[in-house]
């Protein structure tokens, strides 16, 4: 994966993360909240965050001390 692809993928993941935020907020304030669905969305959101962090780590050059 080259740098441009990594940056593009990070943007996609961040957008999906924001979308999940909105979906989670909607579920939290819904009258009949499906706790299982809420838990699944939160786990997916955490996986996205981890994936973004890993990709961002790929953009940082290795520095030999």
N, C-alpha and C. Protein backbone atom coordinates (compact mmCIF):
# COMPACT_ATOMS: atom_id res chain seq x y z
N UNK A 1 0.85 -1.17 0.00
CA UNK A 1 0.00 0.00 0.00
C UNK A 1 0.90 1.24 0.00
N UNK A 2 0.68 2.13 -0.96
CA UNK A 2 1.49 3.34 -0.96
C UNK A 2 0.82 4.41 -0.08
N UNK A 3 1.51 5.51 0.11
CA UNK A 3 1.06 6.55 1.03
C UNK A 3 -0.31 7.13 0.65
N UNK A 4 -0.54 7.34 -0.63
CA UNK A 4 -1.81 7.89 -1.08
C UNK A 4 -2.98 6.94 -0.76
N UNK A 5 -2.75 5.65 -0.95
CA UNK A 5 -3.79 4.66 -0.64
C UNK A 5 -4.07 4.62 0.85
N UNK A 6 -3.03 4.73 1.65
CA UNK A 6 -3.19 4.71 3.11
C UNK A 6 -4.01 5.92 3.55
N UNK A 7 -3.68 7.09 3.02
CA UNK A 7 -4.39 8.32 3.38
C UNK A 7 -5.86 8.23 2.95
N UNK A 8 -6.10 7.68 1.76
CA UNK A 8 -7.48 7.53 1.28
C UNK A 8 -8.25 6.58 2.19
N UNK A 9 -7.63 5.48 2.56
CA UNK A 9 -8.28 4.48 3.43
C UNK A 9 -8.57 5.07 4.81
N UNK A 10 -7.64 5.86 5.34
CA UNK A 10 -7.86 6.51 6.63
C UNK A 10 -9.09 7.41 6.56
N UNK A 11 -9.21 8.15 5.46
CA UNK A 11 -10.37 9.02 5.28
C UNK A 11 -11.67 8.23 5.25
N UNK A 12 -11.67 7.10 4.55
CA UNK A 12 -12.86 6.25 4.50
C UNK A 12 -13.22 5.72 5.88
N UNK A 13 -12.22 5.26 6.61
CA UNK A 13 -12.47 4.71 7.95
C UNK A 13 -12.97 5.77 8.91
N UNK A 14 -12.42 6.96 8.82
CA UNK A 14 -12.88 8.05 9.69
C UNK A 14 -14.33 8.42 9.39
N UNK A 15 -14.70 8.40 8.10
CA UNK A 15 -16.09 8.68 7.73
C UNK A 15 -17.01 7.61 8.29
N UNK A 16 -16.61 6.35 8.17
CA UNK A 16 -17.42 5.26 8.71
C UNK A 16 -17.53 5.39 10.24
N UNK A 17 -16.45 5.82 10.88
CA UNK A 17 -16.44 6.02 12.33
C UNK A 17 -17.47 7.09 12.71
N UNK A 18 -17.50 8.19 11.96
CA UNK A 18 -18.48 9.26 12.23
C UNK A 18 -19.90 8.76 12.00
N UNK A 19 -20.09 7.97 10.95
CA UNK A 19 -21.41 7.41 10.67
C UNK A 19 -21.88 6.50 11.82
N UNK A 20 -20.96 5.70 12.34
CA UNK A 20 -21.30 4.84 13.47
C UNK A 20 -21.64 5.66 14.70
N UNK A 21 -20.93 6.76 14.89
CA UNK A 21 -21.24 7.67 16.00
C UNK A 21 -22.69 8.13 15.93
N UNK A 22 -23.11 8.52 14.74
CA UNK A 22 -24.48 8.99 14.56
C UNK A 22 -25.48 7.86 14.80
N UNK A 23 -25.16 6.67 14.32
CA UNK A 23 -26.06 5.53 14.51
C UNK A 23 -26.16 5.16 15.99
N UNK A 24 -25.04 5.20 16.69
CA UNK A 24 -25.03 4.90 18.13
C UNK A 24 -25.86 5.93 18.88
N UNK A 25 -25.68 7.20 18.55
CA UNK A 25 -26.47 8.25 19.21
C UNK A 25 -27.96 8.04 18.97
N UNK A 26 -28.32 7.68 17.76
CA UNK A 26 -29.73 7.45 17.44
C UNK A 26 -30.28 6.28 18.25
N UNK A 27 -29.50 5.22 18.40
CA UNK A 27 -29.95 4.07 19.17
C UNK A 27 -30.07 4.39 20.66
N UNK A 28 -29.14 5.16 21.16
CA UNK A 28 -29.15 5.50 22.59
C UNK A 28 -30.42 6.26 22.95
N UNK A 29 -30.83 7.15 22.07
CA UNK A 29 -31.99 7.98 22.37
C UNK A 29 -33.30 7.39 21.84
N UNK A 30 -33.25 6.22 21.26
CA UNK A 30 -34.47 5.56 20.78
C UNK A 30 -35.26 5.01 21.98
N UNK A 31 -36.58 5.01 21.88
CA UNK A 31 -37.40 4.52 23.00
C UNK A 31 -37.14 3.05 23.34
N UNK A 32 -36.96 2.21 22.35
CA UNK A 32 -36.70 0.79 22.60
C UNK A 32 -35.31 0.45 22.03
N UNK A 33 -34.30 0.61 22.86
CA UNK A 33 -32.92 0.41 22.42
C UNK A 33 -32.57 -1.07 22.39
N UNK A 34 -32.02 -1.51 21.28
CA UNK A 34 -31.54 -2.88 21.13
C UNK A 34 -30.10 -2.91 21.64
N UNK A 35 -29.91 -3.44 22.83
CA UNK A 35 -28.60 -3.43 23.48
C UNK A 35 -27.56 -4.25 22.71
N UNK A 36 -27.98 -5.34 22.10
CA UNK A 36 -27.04 -6.16 21.32
C UNK A 36 -26.54 -5.38 20.10
N UNK A 37 -27.45 -4.72 19.41
CA UNK A 37 -27.07 -3.93 18.24
C UNK A 37 -26.14 -2.79 18.67
N UNK A 38 -26.46 -2.16 19.77
CA UNK A 38 -25.63 -1.07 20.29
C UNK A 38 -24.23 -1.58 20.60
N UNK A 39 -24.12 -2.72 21.23
CA UNK A 39 -22.81 -3.29 21.56
C UNK A 39 -22.02 -3.61 20.29
N UNK A 40 -22.70 -4.17 19.28
CA UNK A 40 -22.02 -4.48 18.02
C UNK A 40 -21.48 -3.23 17.35
N UNK A 41 -22.28 -2.18 17.34
CA UNK A 41 -21.84 -0.92 16.72
C UNK A 41 -20.64 -0.34 17.47
N UNK A 42 -20.67 -0.40 18.77
CA UNK A 42 -19.56 0.13 19.57
C UNK A 42 -18.28 -0.67 19.33
N UNK A 43 -18.40 -1.98 19.21
CA UNK A 43 -17.22 -2.81 18.93
C UNK A 43 -16.66 -2.49 17.55
N UNK A 44 -17.56 -2.33 16.58
CA UNK A 44 -17.12 -1.98 15.22
C UNK A 44 -16.40 -0.63 15.23
N UNK A 45 -16.92 0.31 15.99
CA UNK A 45 -16.31 1.63 16.09
C UNK A 45 -14.89 1.53 16.68
N UNK A 46 -14.72 0.69 17.69
CA UNK A 46 -13.39 0.50 18.28
C UNK A 46 -12.43 -0.16 17.29
N UNK A 47 -12.92 -1.13 16.51
CA UNK A 47 -12.07 -1.76 15.50
C UNK A 47 -11.63 -0.75 14.45
N UNK A 48 -12.53 0.14 14.07
CA UNK A 48 -12.18 1.18 13.10
C UNK A 48 -11.10 2.09 13.66
N UNK A 49 -11.26 2.46 14.92
CA UNK A 49 -10.27 3.33 15.57
C UNK A 49 -8.90 2.66 15.58
N UNK A 50 -8.86 1.37 15.89
CA UNK A 50 -7.60 0.63 15.91
C UNK A 50 -6.99 0.55 14.51
N UNK A 51 -7.84 0.34 13.52
CA UNK A 51 -7.34 0.25 12.14
C UNK A 51 -6.78 1.59 11.67
N UNK A 52 -7.45 2.68 12.03
CA UNK A 52 -6.95 4.01 11.68
C UNK A 52 -5.59 4.24 12.34
N UNK A 53 -5.46 3.88 13.61
CA UNK A 53 -4.20 4.05 14.33
C UNK A 53 -3.08 3.24 13.66
N UNK A 54 -3.38 2.02 13.25
CA UNK A 54 -2.38 1.18 12.60
C UNK A 54 -1.94 1.79 11.27
N UNK A 55 -2.90 2.28 10.50
CA UNK A 55 -2.57 2.89 9.21
C UNK A 55 -1.77 4.18 9.41
N UNK A 56 -2.13 4.96 10.41
CA UNK A 56 -1.37 6.18 10.68
C UNK A 56 0.06 5.83 11.09
N UNK A 57 0.22 4.73 11.80
CA UNK A 57 1.55 4.28 12.16
C UNK A 57 2.39 3.92 10.94
N UNK A 58 1.74 3.46 9.89
CA UNK A 58 2.46 3.13 8.66
C UNK A 58 2.97 4.38 7.95
N UNK A 59 2.36 5.52 8.23
CA UNK A 59 2.79 6.77 7.58
C UNK A 59 3.99 7.39 8.26
N UNK A 60 4.24 6.98 9.51
CA UNK A 60 5.37 7.53 10.25
C UNK A 60 6.62 6.75 9.87
N UNK A 61 7.65 7.45 9.38
CA UNK A 61 8.87 6.73 8.97
C UNK A 61 9.61 6.15 10.18
N UNK A 62 10.23 5.00 9.96
CA UNK A 62 11.05 4.39 11.01
C UNK A 62 12.33 5.21 11.17
N UNK A 63 12.63 5.54 12.40
CA UNK A 63 13.86 6.30 12.69
C UNK A 63 14.76 5.39 13.53
N UNK A 64 15.94 5.15 13.00
CA UNK A 64 16.88 4.32 13.73
C UNK A 64 17.69 5.23 14.65
N UNK A 65 17.60 4.95 15.94
CA UNK A 65 18.28 5.80 16.92
C UNK A 65 19.69 5.32 17.15
